[in-house]
Amino acid sequence: MKKIIIKSIIYLFLVIIVLEGIVRVFHLGKDTPTRFLDSYEVEKWVPNQNGFSVTGNRRQNFSEYHINKSGFNSYREFIPTKEGIEIALVGDSFIEGFHQDYYNSIGKKIEKEIPEIEVYEYGYAGYDFADQLHLIHSYKQQFDLIDNVILGIKFSNDLTRGEYQVATGRLSLESPINKLLKKSKLLVYCKSIGILDPPQELLYRIKTLARPSQPKQSISKEEILKIKQKKEKKYLTNFEHLISKYGYDKKRYTLLLDSRITSPLFISYLQKHNFDYIDFAQLFESSKHNTTLVYDRHWNNHGRELIAKLIIEHIKKKNNP
């Protein structure tokens, strides 16, 4: 019996080693770059990192990223000048573009059509509007030299707070324990494809059963509508607080949004107060091809081409009214 147990442990160890090797050889596990908080309390990636972003259990999406000296995924460095023409794209993971090779990003697509400009992509997964304005304010000298700034905004989750605070949740992923666990590509791969979800769900259910059950309360349609309207007003107030605190240059700043998932209250506010915005809803809606990844709501290559097209049209129109 003792020999069987010892042999089982040895075989299990060898199987794990072989699986670890397979995952590494075929790049099944994603390379997650390291995060950090800079001297301005801006969260971004540690500069000069390279790797591959992998999504899905069969490498459904495999793309290369490159973190530049500024701490963002980009094919170029950010060196704006008074003489040159620069465009900044600021936003979350949609702008960050880990789902696309860094040398085929939205910025690169724009530059191919307008070679005389440089596009700087300040994208970071999880950035909301407070993060974006804090970034611009922190690097004011740099952004003052940039001719046009386009800020991606999703009304439902980018305006939940009216002031900037460091998001400790994301930075906690850089704890010594997490860093140690990430060294195993097999473990990273298992987590990414959901193998570790059942044990976590089981623990959650056990904790839930230990708590006293709360009776479910039915909510009427009128109450749901009131809650929705209250939330939308709060988000609009947060937007006003943020632009009041950090400032907002209406001549240079443009919002990038999808009116299909944006509150009419917010759209009306933007129009009433002359905020410039690019709405990609109609172009996406009329597209004959999918604009997002099959397993993910991020834009696919076609979606990114459409976004680039709208931005190109906007830039040309702005520079040649």
Protein backbone atom coordinates (compact mmCIF):
# COMPACT_ATOMS: atom_id res chain seq x y z
CA MET A 1 0.00 0.00 0.00
CA LYS A 2 2.84 2.31 0.91
CA LYS A 3 4.55 1.65 -2.44
CA ILE A 4 1.31 2.42 -4.33
CA ILE A 5 0.94 5.74 -2.54
CA ILE A 6 4.58 6.67 -3.21
CA LYS A 7 4.30 5.67 -6.89
CA SER A 8 1.02 7.61 -7.24
CA ILE A 9 2.65 10.74 -5.82
CA ILE A 10 5.65 10.35 -8.16
CA TYR A 11 3.42 9.77 -11.22
CA LEU A 12 1.22 12.71 -10.29
CA PHE A 13 4.29 14.93 -9.97
CA LEU A 14 5.59 13.77 -13.36
CA VAL A 15 2.19 14.37 -15.00
CA ILE A 16 2.11 17.91 -13.58
CA ILE A 17 5.64 18.55 -14.89
CA VAL A 18 4.68 17.26 -18.36
CA LEU A 19 1.48 19.37 -18.43
CA GLU A 20 3.43 22.43 -17.29
CA GLY A 21 5.85 21.87 -20.16
CA ILE A 22 3.04 21.47 -22.72
CA VAL A 23 1.36 24.68 -21.57
CA ARG A 24 4.65 26.58 -21.86
CA VAL A 25 5.71 25.12 -25.23
CA PHE A 26 2.35 25.83 -26.88
CA HIS A 27 1.79 29.18 -25.09
CA LEU A 28 -1.57 28.07 -23.68
CA GLY A 29 -1.24 30.21 -20.56
CA LYS A 30 -1.27 33.98 -20.84
CA ASP A 31 1.62 36.20 -19.79
CA THR A 32 0.17 38.81 -17.47
CA PRO A 33 2.38 41.90 -17.21
CA THR A 34 3.21 43.33 -13.79
CA ARG A 35 1.22 46.31 -12.47
CA PHE A 36 2.49 49.16 -10.33
CA LEU A 37 1.52 52.53 -8.90
CA ASP A 38 3.75 55.39 -10.03
CA SER A 39 4.72 58.52 -8.11
CA TYR A 40 1.51 60.29 -9.22
CA GLU A 41 -0.62 57.36 -7.93
CA VAL A 42 -1.42 56.39 -11.51
CA GLU A 43 -1.89 52.65 -11.88
CA LYS A 44 -0.31 51.17 -15.00
CA TRP A 45 1.98 48.42 -16.22
CA VAL A 46 5.66 48.22 -15.35
CA PRO A 47 7.51 49.60 -18.42
CA ASN A 48 9.39 47.49 -20.97
CA GLN A 49 7.49 44.21 -20.69
CA ASN A 50 6.70 41.83 -23.53
CA GLY A 51 4.49 38.77 -23.69
CA PHE A 52 1.47 37.05 -25.14
CA SER A 53 -2.17 37.45 -24.18
CA VAL A 54 -4.12 34.21 -24.51
CA THR A 55 -7.88 33.77 -24.26
CA GLY A 56 -9.89 30.54 -24.40
CA ASN A 57 -8.99 26.90 -23.79
CA ARG A 58 -7.79 26.38 -27.37
CA ARG A 59 -5.87 29.61 -27.84
CA GLN A 60 -9.00 31.17 -29.36
CA ASN A 61 -7.21 34.48 -29.21
CA PHE A 62 -3.43 34.75 -29.19
CA SER A 63 -1.81 38.15 -29.45
CA GLU A 64 1.45 39.82 -28.57
CA TYR A 65 1.71 42.84 -26.29
CA HIS A 66 4.50 45.33 -25.68
CA ILE A 67 4.51 47.69 -22.69
CA ASN A 68 6.39 50.86 -23.60
CA LYS A 69 8.40 53.18 -21.37
CA SER A 70 5.22 55.03 -20.33
CA GLY A 71 3.64 51.82 -19.00
CA PHE A 72 1.05 51.20 -21.73
CA ASN A 73 0.59 48.61 -24.47
CA SER A 74 1.84 50.34 -27.61
CA TYR A 75 4.03 49.97 -30.68
CA ARG A 76 5.55 53.44 -30.07
CA GLU A 77 6.85 55.66 -27.28
CA PHE A 78 4.87 58.73 -26.21
CA ILE A 79 6.97 61.81 -27.02
CA PRO A 80 4.61 64.66 -27.97
CA THR A 81 6.05 67.91 -29.35
CA LYS A 82 4.74 71.37 -30.16
CA GLU A 83 5.57 70.88 -33.82
CA GLY A 84 4.03 67.44 -34.33
CA ILE A 85 0.39 66.33 -34.46
CA GLU A 86 -0.56 63.78 -31.83
CA ILE A 87 -3.78 62.00 -30.90
CA ALA A 88 -4.28 60.28 -27.53
CA LEU A 89 -6.69 57.39 -27.05
CA VAL A 90 -7.49 57.00 -23.36
CA GLY A 91 -9.61 54.21 -21.92
CA ASP A 92 -9.93 50.72 -20.51
CA SER A 93 -9.17 47.28 -21.94
CA PHE A 94 -10.90 48.15 -25.23
CA ILE A 95 -8.23 50.80 -25.86
CA GLU A 96 -5.49 48.74 -24.21
CA GLY A 97 -5.99 46.13 -26.90
CA PHE A 98 -4.52 42.95 -25.43
CA HIS A 99 -6.89 41.06 -27.74
CA GLN A 100 -4.96 42.30 -30.79
CA ASP A 101 -1.27 42.27 -31.66
CA TYR A 102 0.17 45.56 -30.42
CA TYR A 103 1.51 46.37 -33.92
CA ASN A 104 -2.01 46.07 -35.38
CA SER A 105 -3.81 48.26 -32.85
CA ILE A 106 -6.44 50.95 -33.38
CA GLY A 107 -3.70 53.56 -33.24
CA LYS A 108 -1.70 51.79 -35.92
CA LYS A 109 -4.76 51.56 -38.16
CA ILE A 110 -5.31 55.31 -37.78
CA GLU A 111 -1.70 56.11 -38.59
CA LYS A 112 -1.85 54.06 -41.78
CA GLU A 113 -4.62 56.35 -43.06
CA ILE A 114 -3.12 59.57 -41.68
CA PRO A 115 0.68 59.07 -41.74
CA GLU A 116 1.45 62.60 -40.58
CA ILE A 117 0.07 62.03 -37.06
CA GLU A 118 1.17 59.95 -34.09
CA VAL A 119 -1.37 58.04 -32.00
CA TYR A 120 -0.70 57.39 -28.32
CA GLU A 121 -2.78 54.64 -26.70
CA TYR A 122 -3.22 55.13 -22.95
CA GLY A 123 -5.30 52.01 -22.36
CA TYR A 124 -5.42 50.04 -19.13
CA ALA A 125 -7.91 47.31 -18.18
CA GLY A 126 -10.30 48.60 -15.54
CA TYR A 127 -9.78 52.32 -16.08
CA ASP A 128 -12.98 54.30 -15.48
CA PHE A 129 -13.54 58.00 -16.17
CA ALA A 130 -11.95 59.01 -12.85
CA ASP A 131 -8.81 57.03 -13.73
CA GLN A 132 -8.67 58.65 -17.14
CA LEU A 133 -8.96 62.25 -15.94
CA HIS A 134 -6.54 61.57 -13.08
CA LEU A 135 -4.04 60.24 -15.62
CA ILE A 136 -4.41 63.29 -17.86
CA HIS A 137 -4.13 65.66 -14.90
CA SER A 138 -1.06 63.84 -13.52
CA TYR A 139 0.74 64.05 -16.86
CA LYS A 140 -0.55 67.51 -17.71
CA GLN A 141 2.68 68.69 -19.34
CA GLN A 142 2.58 65.74 -21.71
CA PHE A 143 -1.12 65.97 -22.52
CA ASP A 144 -0.96 69.73 -23.08
CA LEU A 145 1.21 69.00 -26.12
CA ILE A 146 -1.27 66.47 -27.54
CA ASP A 147 -3.65 67.97 -30.10
CA ASN A 148 -6.69 65.70 -29.62
CA VAL A 149 -7.65 63.43 -26.74
CA ILE A 150 -10.32 60.75 -27.21
CA LEU A 151 -11.72 59.21 -24.02
CA GLY A 152 -13.63 55.93 -24.15
CA ILE A 153 -16.62 55.97 -21.80
CA LYS A 154 -19.26 53.42 -20.87
CA PHE A 155 -22.00 55.14 -18.89
CA SER A 156 -23.06 52.05 -16.93
CA ASN A 157 -19.73 51.42 -15.19
CA ASP A 158 -17.31 54.30 -15.85
CA LEU A 159 -19.10 56.90 -13.72
CA THR A 160 -19.76 55.01 -10.50
CA ARG A 161 -17.53 57.38 -8.51
CA GLY A 162 -17.13 61.14 -8.44
CA GLU A 163 -13.51 61.29 -7.30
CA TYR A 164 -10.35 59.34 -7.90
CA GLN A 165 -8.97 56.87 -5.39
CA VAL A 166 -6.39 54.14 -5.89
CA ALA A 167 -8.08 50.83 -6.79
CA THR A 168 -6.33 48.50 -4.35
CA GLY A 169 -8.20 45.45 -5.70
CA ARG A 170 -6.21 45.27 -8.92
CA LEU A 171 -2.91 46.03 -7.22
CA SER A 172 -3.51 43.21 -4.75
CA LEU A 173 -2.93 40.85 -7.69
CA GLU A 174 0.74 41.78 -7.36
CA SER A 175 1.01 40.31 -3.85
CA PRO A 176 3.97 37.96 -3.25
CA ILE A 177 1.64 34.93 -3.12
CA ASN A 178 -0.07 35.80 -6.43
CA LYS A 179 3.30 36.46 -8.07
CA LEU A 180 4.50 33.05 -6.92
CA LEU A 181 1.34 31.31 -8.20
CA LYS A 182 1.63 33.05 -11.59
CA LYS A 183 5.03 31.42 -12.12
CA SER A 184 3.13 28.20 -12.87
CA LYS A 185 1.73 28.56 -16.40
CA LEU A 186 -0.34 25.42 -15.82
CA LEU A 187 -2.09 27.04 -12.87
CA VAL A 188 -2.68 30.23 -14.86
CA TYR A 189 -4.10 28.18 -17.74
CA CYS A 190 -6.39 26.16 -15.45
CA LYS A 191 -7.75 29.33 -13.91
CA SER A 192 -8.30 31.03 -17.29
CA ILE A 193 -10.38 28.13 -18.69
CA GLY A 194 -12.47 27.73 -15.54
CA ILE A 195 -11.12 24.46 -14.10
CA LEU A 196 -10.70 26.14 -10.71
CA ASP A 197 -14.21 27.64 -10.74
CA PRO A 198 -16.12 24.62 -9.28
CA PRO A 199 -14.04 24.47 -6.05
CA GLN A 200 -14.44 28.24 -5.63
CA GLU A 201 -18.19 27.99 -6.23
CA LEU A 202 -18.45 25.16 -3.72
CA LEU A 203 -16.73 27.27 -1.06
CA TYR A 204 -19.06 30.16 -1.86
CA ARG A 205 -22.13 27.93 -1.52
CA ILE A 206 -20.91 26.59 1.82
CA LYS A 207 -20.45 30.15 3.09
CA THR A 208 -23.90 31.09 1.77
CA LEU A 209 -25.56 28.13 3.52
CA ALA A 210 -23.96 29.20 6.79
CA ARG A 211 -25.64 32.60 6.58
CA PRO A 212 -29.28 33.09 7.56
CA SER A 213 -31.45 33.25 4.43
CA GLN A 214 -33.10 36.55 3.64
CA PRO A 215 -36.64 36.57 2.28
CA LYS A 216 -36.81 37.71 -1.33
CA GLN A 217 -38.70 40.91 -1.92
CA SER A 218 -40.52 41.54 -5.15
CA ILE A 219 -39.90 44.93 -6.74
CA SER A 220 -42.44 46.57 -9.00
CA LYS A 221 -41.58 47.99 -12.43
CA GLU A 222 -42.15 51.49 -11.09
CA GLU A 223 -39.60 50.93 -8.30
CA ILE A 224 -37.10 49.47 -10.75
CA LEU A 225 -37.52 52.54 -12.98
CA LYS A 226 -37.01 54.87 -9.99
CA ILE A 227 -33.84 53.03 -8.97
CA LYS A 228 -32.55 53.26 -12.56
CA GLN A 229 -33.29 56.99 -12.80
CA LYS A 230 -31.66 57.64 -9.44
CA LYS A 231 -28.54 55.76 -10.52
CA GLU A 232 -28.36 57.65 -13.83
CA LYS A 233 -28.64 61.00 -12.03
CA LYS A 234 -25.86 59.96 -9.65
CA TYR A 235 -23.62 58.98 -12.57
CA LEU A 236 -24.28 62.30 -14.27
CA THR A 237 -23.44 64.11 -11.01
CA ASN A 238 -20.20 62.12 -10.80
CA PHE A 239 -19.36 63.18 -14.35
CA GLU A 240 -19.90 66.84 -13.40
CA HIS A 241 -17.77 66.48 -10.25
CA LEU A 242 -14.88 64.93 -12.18
CA ILE A 243 -14.77 67.50 -14.98
CA SER A 244 -15.10 70.26 -12.40
CA LYS A 245 -12.16 68.94 -10.39
CA TYR A 246 -9.80 68.05 -13.24
CA GLY A 247 -11.03 70.40 -15.94
CA TYR A 248 -12.22 69.40 -19.39
CA ASP A 249 -10.99 70.99 -22.60
CA LYS A 250 -14.00 70.82 -24.94
CA LYS A 251 -11.88 71.95 -27.87
CA ARG A 252 -9.44 69.06 -27.62
CA TYR A 253 -11.37 66.32 -25.79
CA THR A 254 -13.83 63.93 -27.42
CA LEU A 255 -15.82 61.11 -25.82
CA LEU A 256 -16.08 57.73 -27.54
CA LEU A 257 -19.35 55.96 -26.68
CA ASP A 258 -22.06 53.53 -27.74
CA SER A 259 -25.48 55.23 -27.58
CA ARG A 260 -27.20 51.81 -27.51
CA ILE A 261 -26.01 51.33 -23.93
CA THR A 262 -25.80 54.98 -22.89
CA SER A 263 -28.50 56.74 -20.90
CA PRO A 264 -30.55 59.24 -22.98
CA LEU A 265 -30.17 61.55 -19.97
CA PHE A 266 -26.41 61.59 -20.47
CA ILE A 267 -26.64 62.00 -24.25
CA SER A 268 -29.00 64.97 -23.79
CA TYR A 269 -26.61 66.50 -21.28
CA LEU A 270 -23.66 66.19 -23.68
CA GLN A 271 -25.64 67.77 -26.52
CA LYS A 272 -27.00 70.57 -24.34
CA HIS A 273 -23.54 71.51 -23.03
CA ASN A 274 -21.71 71.08 -26.35
CA PHE A 275 -19.56 68.10 -25.45
CA ASP A 276 -17.99 66.56 -28.53
CA TYR A 277 -18.51 62.80 -28.83
CA ILE A 278 -18.14 59.94 -31.31
CA ASP A 279 -21.01 57.46 -31.32
CA PHE A 280 -20.14 54.09 -32.87
CA ALA A 281 -23.58 52.51 -32.27
CA GLN A 282 -24.96 52.96 -35.78
CA LEU A 283 -21.83 51.74 -37.55
CA PHE A 284 -21.66 48.62 -35.36
CA GLU A 285 -25.38 48.00 -35.73
CA SER A 286 -25.27 48.16 -39.53
CA SER A 287 -22.12 46.03 -39.87
CA LYS A 288 -22.63 42.78 -41.80
CA HIS A 289 -19.80 41.15 -39.84
CA ASN A 290 -19.32 40.54 -36.13
CA THR A 291 -17.67 43.44 -34.36
CA THR A 292 -16.78 41.59 -31.16
CA LEU A 293 -14.99 38.37 -30.31
CA VAL A 294 -17.13 35.22 -30.19
CA TYR A 295 -16.24 34.38 -26.56
CA ASP A 296 -15.72 37.93 -25.37
CA ARG A 297 -17.41 41.32 -25.75
CA HIS A 298 -14.17 43.08 -26.69
CA TRP A 299 -13.87 44.37 -30.26
CA ASN A 300 -12.41 41.99 -32.81
CA ASN A 301 -10.22 43.18 -35.69
CA HIS A 302 -13.23 44.28 -37.73
CA GLY A 303 -14.66 46.18 -34.78
CA ARG A 304 -11.34 47.93 -34.26
CA GLU A 305 -11.21 48.87 -37.93
CA LEU A 306 -14.65 50.48 -37.62
CA ILE A 307 -13.57 52.39 -34.50
CA ALA A 308 -10.42 53.55 -36.31
CA LYS A 309 -12.54 54.61 -39.30
CA LEU A 310 -14.80 56.78 -37.12
CA ILE A 311 -11.84 58.38 -35.38
CA ILE A 312 -10.16 59.08 -38.75
CA GLU A 313 -13.33 60.75 -40.03
CA HIS A 314 -13.59 62.76 -36.82
CA ILE A 315 -9.97 63.95 -37.02
CA LYS A 316 -10.27 64.95 -40.66
CA LYS A 317 -13.52 66.80 -40.01
CA LYS A 318 -12.05 68.60 -37.01
CA ASN A 319 -8.92 69.67 -38.86
CA ASN A 320 -10.81 70.60 -42.04
CA PRO A 321 -14.18 72.04 -40.91
